[in-house]
Amino acid sequence: MSYVDGVVTAVPTANIDDYIRHAKIAAEVFKEQGALRVVEAWGDDIPQGEITSFPIAVKCAEDETVVFSWIIWPSKKVRNSA
């Protein structure tokens, strides 16, 4: 069974190019360690929410964008050894 790691974070919107460069490098490292797929999703049209939401969860500031990323591994064992 596949194993998925997911991360939600807030990134300064002005730093999108730096974030993408870093994410590409990180994705190659994860794939070298056995990851099947690495996905970075730059937030667009993410509602703020009143009780909970991604922006609230990461304390997203006005000048930041929520990023949701996930890595698919073939198994938890592969992920743990990576």
PDB file of N, CA and C in Angstrom:
ATOM      1  N   MET A   1       0.834  -1.172   0.000  1.00  0.00           N
ATOM      2  CA  MET A   1       0.000   0.000   0.000  1.00  0.00           C
ATOM      3  C   MET A   1       0.883   1.241   0.000  1.00  0.00           C
ATOM      4  N   SER A   2       0.498   2.252  -0.763  1.00  0.00           N
ATOM      5  CA  SER A   2       1.246   3.518  -0.809  1.00  0.00           C
ATOM      6  C   SER A   2       1.153   4.237   0.527  1.00  0.00           C
ATOM      7  N   TYR A   3       2.083   5.152   0.740  1.00  0.00           N
ATOM      8  CA  TYR A   3       2.123   5.967   1.947  1.00  0.00           C
ATOM      9  C   TYR A   3       2.292   7.413   1.506  1.00  0.00           C
ATOM     10  N   VAL A   4       1.533   8.333   2.109  1.00  0.00           N
ATOM     11  CA  VAL A   4       1.554   9.735   1.697  1.00  0.00           C
ATOM     12  C   VAL A   4       1.942  10.619   2.872  1.00  0.00           C
ATOM     13  N   ASP A   5       2.904  11.514   2.638  1.00  0.00           N
ATOM     14  CA  ASP A   5       3.229  12.597   3.571  1.00  0.00           C
ATOM     15  C   ASP A   5       2.608  13.861   3.010  1.00  0.00           C
ATOM     16  N   GLY A   6       1.930  14.642   3.831  1.00  0.00           N
ATOM     17  CA  GLY A   6       1.352  15.904   3.394  1.00  0.00           C
ATOM     18  C   GLY A   6       1.808  17.036   4.286  1.00  0.00           C
ATOM     19  N   VAL A   7       2.004  18.210   3.681  1.00  0.00           N
ATOM     20  CA  VAL A   7       2.460  19.381   4.419  1.00  0.00           C
ATOM     21  C   VAL A   7       1.668  20.595   3.947  1.00  0.00           C
ATOM     22  N   VAL A   8       1.237  21.407   4.896  1.00  0.00           N
ATOM     23  CA  VAL A   8       0.593  22.686   4.595  1.00  0.00           C
ATOM     24  C   VAL A   8       1.449  23.758   5.234  1.00  0.00           C
ATOM     25  N   THR A   9       1.790  24.795   4.474  1.00  0.00           N
ATOM     26  CA  THR A   9       2.637  25.854   5.002  1.00  0.00           C
ATOM     27  C   THR A   9       2.248  27.193   4.384  1.00  0.00           C
ATOM     28  N   ALA A  10       2.707  28.265   4.984  1.00  0.00           N
ATOM     29  CA  ALA A  10       2.510  29.607   4.440  1.00  0.00           C
ATOM     30  C   ALA A  10       3.856  30.095   3.910  1.00  0.00           C
ATOM     31  N   VAL A  11       3.847  30.614   2.685  1.00  0.00           N
ATOM     32  CA  VAL A  11       5.074  31.086   2.041  1.00  0.00           C
ATOM     33  C   VAL A  11       4.874  32.540   1.627  1.00  0.00           C
ATOM     34  N   PRO A  12       5.855  33.420   1.890  1.00  0.00           N
ATOM     35  CA  PRO A  12       5.710  34.792   1.416  1.00  0.00           C
ATOM     36  C   PRO A  12       5.443  34.805  -0.096  1.00  0.00           C
ATOM     37  N   THR A  13       4.359  35.447  -0.494  1.00  0.00           N
ATOM     38  CA  THR A  13       3.947  35.452  -1.893  1.00  0.00           C
ATOM     39  C   THR A  13       5.052  35.985  -2.810  1.00  0.00           C
ATOM     40  N   ALA A  14       5.801  36.947  -2.344  1.00  0.00           N
ATOM     41  CA  ALA A  14       6.883  37.527  -3.155  1.00  0.00           C
ATOM     42  C   ALA A  14       8.005  36.531  -3.416  1.00  0.00           C
ATOM     43  N   ASN A  15       8.063  35.444  -2.646  1.00  0.00           N
ATOM     44  CA  ASN A  15       9.146  34.461  -2.769  1.00  0.00           C
ATOM     45  C   ASN A  15       8.758  33.228  -3.573  1.00  0.00           C
ATOM     46  N   ILE A  16       7.747  33.322  -4.410  1.00  0.00           N
ATOM     47  CA  ILE A  16       7.278  32.146  -5.152  1.00  0.00           C
ATOM     48  C   ILE A  16       8.396  31.523  -5.995  1.00  0.00           C
ATOM     49  N   ASP A  17       9.183  32.345  -6.669  1.00  0.00           N
ATOM     50  CA  ASP A  17      10.251  31.801  -7.516  1.00  0.00           C
ATOM     51  C   ASP A  17      11.294  31.046  -6.695  1.00  0.00           C
ATOM     52  N   ASP A  18      11.670  31.606  -5.540  1.00  0.00           N
ATOM     53  CA  ASP A  18      12.623  30.927  -4.658  1.00  0.00           C
ATOM     54  C   ASP A  18      12.032  29.616  -4.149  1.00  0.00           C
ATOM     55  N   TYR A  19      10.751  29.642  -3.790  1.00  0.00           N
ATOM     56  CA  TYR A  19      10.095  28.438  -3.286  1.00  0.00           C
ATOM     57  C   TYR A  19      10.081  27.351  -4.359  1.00  0.00           C
ATOM     58  N   ILE A  20       9.731  27.706  -5.565  1.00  0.00           N
ATOM     59  CA  ILE A  20       9.670  26.721  -6.650  1.00  0.00           C
ATOM     60  C   ILE A  20      11.048  26.122  -6.916  1.00  0.00           C
ATOM     61  N   ARG A  21      12.083  26.955  -6.927  1.00  0.00           N
ATOM     62  CA  ARG A  21      13.451  26.447  -7.131  1.00  0.00           C
ATOM     63  C   ARG A  21      13.816  25.445  -6.043  1.00  0.00           C
ATOM     64  N   HIS A  22      13.545  25.804  -4.805  1.00  0.00           N
ATOM     65  CA  HIS A  22      13.850  24.917  -3.678  1.00  0.00           C
ATOM     66  C   HIS A  22      13.028  23.630  -3.770  1.00  0.00           C
ATOM     67  N   ALA A  23      11.750  23.748  -4.103  1.00  0.00           N
ATOM     68  CA  ALA A  23      10.865  22.580  -4.182  1.00  0.00           C
ATOM     69  C   ALA A  23      11.332  21.601  -5.259  1.00  0.00           C
ATOM     70  N   LYS A  24      11.822  22.117  -6.376  1.00  0.00           N
ATOM     71  CA  LYS A  24      12.320  21.234  -7.442  1.00  0.00           C
ATOM     72  C   LYS A  24      13.548  20.447  -6.981  1.00  0.00           C
ATOM     73  N   ILE A  25      14.439  21.117  -6.269  1.00  0.00           N
ATOM     74  CA  ILE A  25      15.628  20.438  -5.746  1.00  0.00           C
ATOM     75  C   ILE A  25      15.210  19.370  -4.736  1.00  0.00           C
ATOM     76  N   ALA A  26      14.317  19.741  -3.818  1.00  0.00           N
ATOM     77  CA  ALA A  26      13.850  18.793  -2.800  1.00  0.00           C
ATOM     78  C   ALA A  26      13.154  17.596  -3.445  1.00  0.00           C
ATOM     79  N   ALA A  27      12.357  17.843  -4.481  1.00  0.00           N
ATOM     80  CA  ALA A  27      11.639  16.752  -5.145  1.00  0.00           C
ATOM     81  C   ALA A  27      12.616  15.736  -5.727  1.00  0.00           C
ATOM     82  N   GLU A  28      13.702  16.200  -6.319  1.00  0.00           N
ATOM     83  CA  GLU A  28      14.698  15.283  -6.870  1.00  0.00           C
ATOM     84  C   GLU A  28      15.334  14.430  -5.775  1.00  0.00           C
ATOM     85  N   VAL A  29      15.611  15.053  -4.625  1.00  0.00           N
ATOM     86  CA  VAL A  29      16.189  14.303  -3.504  1.00  0.00           C
ATOM     87  C   VAL A  29      15.205  13.240  -3.021  1.00  0.00           C
ATOM     88  N   PHE A  30      13.926  13.623  -2.850  1.00  0.00           N
ATOM     89  CA  PHE A  30      12.922  12.650  -2.410  1.00  0.00           C
ATOM     90  C   PHE A  30      12.801  11.497  -3.407  1.00  0.00           C
ATOM     91  N   LYS A  31      12.819  11.817  -4.692  1.00  0.00           N
ATOM     92  CA  LYS A  31      12.704  10.764  -5.710  1.00  0.00           C
ATOM     93  C   LYS A  31      13.927   9.847  -5.698  1.00  0.00           C
ATOM     94  N   GLU A  32      15.107  10.412  -5.476  1.00  0.00           N
ATOM     95  CA  GLU A  32      16.308   9.583  -5.361  1.00  0.00           C
ATOM     96  C   GLU A  32      16.202   8.624  -4.181  1.00  0.00           C
ATOM     97  N   GLN A  33      15.435   9.020  -3.166  1.00  0.00           N
ATOM     98  CA  GLN A  33      15.255   8.196  -1.972  1.00  0.00           C
ATOM     99  C   GLN A  33      14.058   7.250  -2.081  1.00  0.00           C
ATOM    100  N   GLY A  34      13.387   7.254  -3.241  1.00  0.00           N
ATOM    101  CA  GLY A  34      12.314   6.294  -3.455  1.00  0.00           C
ATOM    102  C   GLY A  34      10.914   6.851  -3.611  1.00  0.00           C
ATOM    103  N   ALA A  35      10.736   8.164  -3.484  1.00  0.00           N
ATOM    104  CA  ALA A  35       9.399   8.739  -3.642  1.00  0.00           C
ATOM    105  C   ALA A  35       8.887   8.477  -5.060  1.00  0.00           C
ATOM    106  N   LEU A  36       7.607   8.182  -5.161  1.00  0.00           N
ATOM    107  CA  LEU A  36       6.985   7.942  -6.462  1.00  0.00           C
ATOM    108  C   LEU A  36       6.539   9.239  -7.115  1.00  0.00           C
ATOM    109  N   ARG A  37       6.087  10.187  -6.291  1.00  0.00           N
ATOM    110  CA  ARG A  37       5.583  11.455  -6.826  1.00  0.00           C
ATOM    111  C   ARG A  37       5.681  12.523  -5.753  1.00  0.00           C
ATOM    112  N   VAL A  38       6.019  13.744  -6.171  1.00  0.00           N
ATOM    113  CA  VAL A  38       6.077  14.896  -5.278  1.00  0.00           C
ATOM    114  C   VAL A  38       5.241  15.997  -5.925  1.00  0.00           C
ATOM    115  N   VAL A  39       4.287  16.541  -5.154  1.00  0.00           N
ATOM    116  CA  VAL A  39       3.382  17.559  -5.682  1.00  0.00           C
ATOM    117  C   VAL A  39       3.437  18.799  -4.796  1.00  0.00           C
ATOM    118  N   GLU A  40       3.566  19.952  -5.425  1.00  0.00           N
ATOM    119  CA  GLU A  40       3.522  21.245  -4.738  1.00  0.00           C
ATOM    120  C   GLU A  40       2.329  22.003  -5.306  1.00  0.00           C
ATOM    121  N   ALA A  41       1.407  22.412  -4.455  1.00  0.00           N
ATOM    122  CA  ALA A  41       0.216  23.126  -4.918  1.00  0.00           C
ATOM    123  C   ALA A  41       0.179  24.515  -4.296  1.00  0.00           C
ATOM    124  N   TRP A  42       0.463  25.528  -5.115  1.00  0.00           N
ATOM    125  CA  TRP A  42       0.449  26.924  -4.680  1.00  0.00           C
ATOM    126  C   TRP A  42      -1.003  27.352  -4.564  1.00  0.00           C
ATOM    127  N   GLY A  43      -1.383  27.862  -3.404  1.00  0.00           N
ATOM    128  CA  GLY A  43      -2.773  28.181  -3.107  1.00  0.00           C
ATOM    129  C   GLY A  43      -3.412  29.189  -4.044  1.00  0.00           C
ATOM    130  N   ASP A  44      -4.635  28.902  -4.418  1.00  0.00           N
ATOM    131  CA  ASP A  44      -5.438  29.795  -5.247  1.00  0.00           C
ATOM    132  C   ASP A  44      -6.892  29.613  -4.823  1.00  0.00           C
ATOM    133  N   ASP A  45      -7.535  30.691  -4.462  1.00  0.00           N
ATOM    134  CA  ASP A  45      -8.946  30.633  -4.089  1.00  0.00           C
ATOM    135  C   ASP A  45      -9.176  29.723  -2.876  1.00  0.00           C
ATOM    136  N   ILE A  46      -8.364  29.931  -1.839  1.00  0.00           N
ATOM    137  CA  ILE A  46      -8.504  29.145  -0.611  1.00  0.00           C
ATOM    138  C   ILE A  46      -9.293  29.984   0.396  1.00  0.00           C
ATOM    139  N   PRO A  47     -10.474  29.516   0.799  1.00  0.00           N
ATOM    140  CA  PRO A  47     -11.276  30.298   1.740  1.00  0.00           C
ATOM    141  C   PRO A  47     -10.616  30.390   3.119  1.00  0.00           C
ATOM    142  N   GLN A  48     -10.827  31.520   3.779  1.00  0.00           N
ATOM    143  CA  GLN A  48     -10.244  31.765   5.091  1.00  0.00           C
ATOM    144  C   GLN A  48     -10.861  30.873   6.162  1.00  0.00           C
ATOM    145  N   GLY A  49     -12.144  30.668   6.123  1.00  0.00           N
ATOM    146  CA  GLY A  49     -12.798  29.862   7.157  1.00  0.00           C
ATOM    147  C   GLY A  49     -13.042  30.671   8.416  1.00  0.00           C
ATOM    148  N   GLU A  50     -13.973  30.206   9.235  1.00  0.00           N
ATOM    149  CA  GLU A  50     -14.283  30.901  10.482  1.00  0.00           C
ATOM    150  C   GLU A  50     -13.760  30.150  11.698  1.00  0.00           C
ATOM    151  N   ILE A  51     -13.795  28.823  11.635  1.00  0.00           N
ATOM    152  CA  ILE A  51     -13.347  28.022  12.768  1.00  0.00           C
ATOM    153  C   ILE A  51     -11.995  27.388  12.451  1.00  0.00           C
ATOM    154  N   THR A  52     -11.891  26.821  11.262  1.00  0.00           N
ATOM    155  CA  THR A  52     -10.624  26.220  10.846  1.00  0.00           C
ATOM    156  C   THR A  52     -10.528  26.248   9.324  1.00  0.00           C
ATOM    157  N   SER A  53      -9.332  26.301   8.838  1.00  0.00           N
ATOM    158  CA  SER A  53      -9.048  26.305   7.401  1.00  0.00           C
ATOM    159  C   SER A  53      -7.538  26.206   7.239  1.00  0.00           C
ATOM    160  N   PHE A  54      -7.078  25.995   6.014  1.00  0.00           N
ATOM    161  CA  PHE A  54      -5.631  25.981   5.800  1.00  0.00           C
ATOM    162  C   PHE A  54      -4.997  27.310   6.213  1.00  0.00           C
ATOM    163  N   PRO A  55      -5.540  28.472   5.796  1.00  0.00           N
ATOM    164  CA  PRO A  55      -4.912  29.731   6.221  1.00  0.00           C
ATOM    165  C   PRO A  55      -4.844  29.889   7.745  1.00  0.00           C
ATOM    166  N   ILE A  56      -5.892  29.490   8.440  1.00  0.00           N
ATOM    167  CA  ILE A  56      -5.880  29.583   9.902  1.00  0.00           C
ATOM    168  C   ILE A  56      -4.855  28.604  10.480  1.00  0.00           C
ATOM    169  N   ALA A  57      -4.809  27.390   9.941  1.00  0.00           N
ATOM    170  CA  ALA A  57      -3.911  26.355  10.471  1.00  0.00           C
ATOM    171  C   ALA A  57      -2.452  26.780  10.413  1.00  0.00           C
ATOM    172  N   VAL A  58      -2.070  27.524   9.367  1.00  0.00           N
ATOM    173  CA  VAL A  58      -0.667  27.923   9.220  1.00  0.00           C
ATOM    174  C   VAL A  58      -0.430  29.386   9.581  1.00  0.00           C
ATOM    175  N   LYS A  59      -1.471  30.029  10.136  1.00  0.00           N
ATOM    176  CA  LYS A  59      -1.371  31.448  10.526  1.00  0.00           C
ATOM    177  C   LYS A  59      -0.865  32.291   9.367  1.00  0.00           C
ATOM    178  N   CYS A  60      -1.510  32.109   8.222  1.00  0.00           N
ATOM    179  CA  CYS A  60      -1.119  32.781   6.982  1.00  0.00           C
ATOM    180  C   CYS A  60      -1.331  34.296   7.094  1.00  0.00           C
ATOM    181  N   ALA A  61      -0.272  35.059   6.849  1.00  0.00           N
ATOM    182  CA  ALA A  61      -0.344  36.520   6.871  1.00  0.00           C
ATOM    183  C   ALA A  61      -0.866  37.039   5.531  1.00  0.00           C
ATOM    184  N   GLU A  62      -1.204  38.303   5.497  1.00  0.00           N
ATOM    185  CA  GLU A  62      -1.749  38.926   4.281  1.00  0.00           C
ATOM    186  C   GLU A  62      -0.803  38.799   3.085  1.00  0.00           C
ATOM    187  N   ASP A  63       0.498  38.838   3.343  1.00  0.00           N
ATOM    188  CA  ASP A  63       1.475  38.794   2.252  1.00  0.00           C
ATOM    189  C   ASP A  63       1.999  37.380   1.989  1.00  0.00           C
ATOM    190  N   GLU A  64       1.263  36.377   2.466  1.00  0.00           N
ATOM    191  CA  GLU A  64       1.673  34.983   2.280  1.00  0.00           C
ATOM    192  C   GLU A  64       0.597  34.205   1.521  1.00  0.00           C
ATOM    193  N   THR A  65       1.025  33.077   0.945  1.00  0.00           N
ATOM    194  CA  THR A  65       0.127  32.179   0.234  1.00  0.00           C
ATOM    195  C   THR A  65       0.267  30.790   0.846  1.00  0.00           C
ATOM    196  N   VAL A  66      -0.856  30.107   0.965  1.00  0.00           N
ATOM    197  CA  VAL A  66      -0.841  28.744   1.482  1.00  0.00           C
ATOM    198  C   VAL A  66      -0.328  27.796   0.400  1.00  0.00           C
ATOM    199  N   VAL A  67       0.579  26.899   0.777  1.00  0.00           N
ATOM    200  CA  VAL A  67       1.076  25.866  -0.116  1.00  0.00           C
ATOM    201  C   VAL A  67       0.744  24.514   0.507  1.00  0.00           C
ATOM    202  N   PHE A  68       0.156  23.637  -0.300  1.00  0.00           N
ATOM    203  CA  PHE A  68      -0.145  22.277   0.142  1.00  0.00           C
ATOM    204  C   PHE A  68       0.708  21.350  -0.705  1.00  0.00           C
ATOM    205  N   SER A  69       1.522  20.546  -0.052  1.00  0.00           N
ATOM    206  CA  SER A  69       2.446  19.646  -0.746  1.00  0.00           C
ATOM    207  C   SER A  69       2.246  18.229  -0.245  1.00  0.00           C
ATOM    208  N   TRP A  70       2.496  17.277  -1.142  1.00  0.00           N
ATOM    209  CA  TRP A  70       2.453  15.889  -0.695  1.00  0.00           C
ATOM    210  C   TRP A  70       3.448  15.054  -1.482  1.00  0.00           C
ATOM    211  N   ILE A  71       3.893  13.999  -0.802  1.00  0.00           N
ATOM    212  CA  ILE A  71       4.848  13.063  -1.384  1.00  0.00           C
ATOM    213  C   ILE A  71       4.220  11.677  -1.303  1.00  0.00           C
ATOM    214  N   ILE A  72       4.220  10.968  -2.411  1.00  0.00           N
ATOM    215  CA  ILE A  72       3.704   9.601  -2.431  1.00  0.00           C
ATOM    216  C   ILE A  72       4.889   8.645  -2.447  1.00  0.00           C
ATOM    217  N   TRP A  73       4.885   7.762  -1.468  1.00  0.00           N
ATOM    218  CA  TRP A  73       5.930   6.757  -1.319  1.00  0.00           C
ATOM    219  C   TRP A  73       5.333   5.383  -1.615  1.00  0.00           C
ATOM    220  N   PRO A  74       6.130   4.433  -2.034  1.00  0.00           N
ATOM    221  CA  PRO A  74       5.592   3.097  -2.284  1.00  0.00           C
ATOM    222  C   PRO A  74       5.136   2.399  -0.999  1.00  0.00           C
ATOM    223  N   SER A  75       5.715   2.777   0.137  1.00  0.00           N
ATOM    224  CA  SER A  75       5.336   2.181   1.417  1.00  0.00           C
ATOM    225  C   SER A  75       5.871   3.065   2.550  1.00  0.00           C
ATOM    226  N   LYS A  76       5.353   2.837   3.740  1.00  0.00           N
ATOM    227  CA  LYS A  76       5.854   3.553   4.906  1.00  0.00           C
ATOM    228  C   LYS A  76       7.302   3.157   5.180  1.00  0.00           C
ATOM    229  N   LYS A  77       7.645   1.905   4.927  1.00  0.00           N
ATOM    230  CA  LYS A  77       9.015   1.438   5.146  1.00  0.00           C
ATOM    231  C   LYS A  77      10.002   2.226   4.280  1.00  0.00           C
ATOM    232  N   VAL A  78       9.663   2.431   3.011  1.00  0.00           N
ATOM    233  CA  VAL A  78      10.548   3.204   2.117  1.00  0.00           C
ATOM    234  C   VAL A  78      10.652   4.633   2.620  1.00  0.00           C
ATOM    235  N   ARG A  79       9.522   5.210   2.994  1.00  0.00           N
ATOM    236  CA  ARG A  79       9.528   6.591   3.502  1.00  0.00           C
ATOM    237  C   ARG A  79      10.386   6.702   4.753  1.00  0.00           C
ATOM    238  N   ASN A  80      10.244   5.780   5.677  1.00  0.00           N
ATOM    239  CA  ASN A  80      11.021   5.843   6.918  1.00  0.00           C
ATOM    240  C   ASN A  80      12.510   5.680   6.667  1.00  0.00           C
ATOM    241  N   SER A  81      12.873   4.837   5.715  1.00  0.00           N
ATOM    242  CA  SER A  81      14.296   4.665   5.436  1.00  0.00           C
ATOM    243  C   SER A  81      14.880   5.860   4.679  1.00  0.00           C
ATOM    244  N   ALA A  82      14.043   6.569   3.966  1.00  0.00           N
ATOM    245  CA  ALA A  82      14.503   7.768   3.244  1.00  0.00           C
ATOM    246  C   ALA A  82      14.818   8.873   4.222  1.00  0.00           C
TER     247      ALA A  82
END
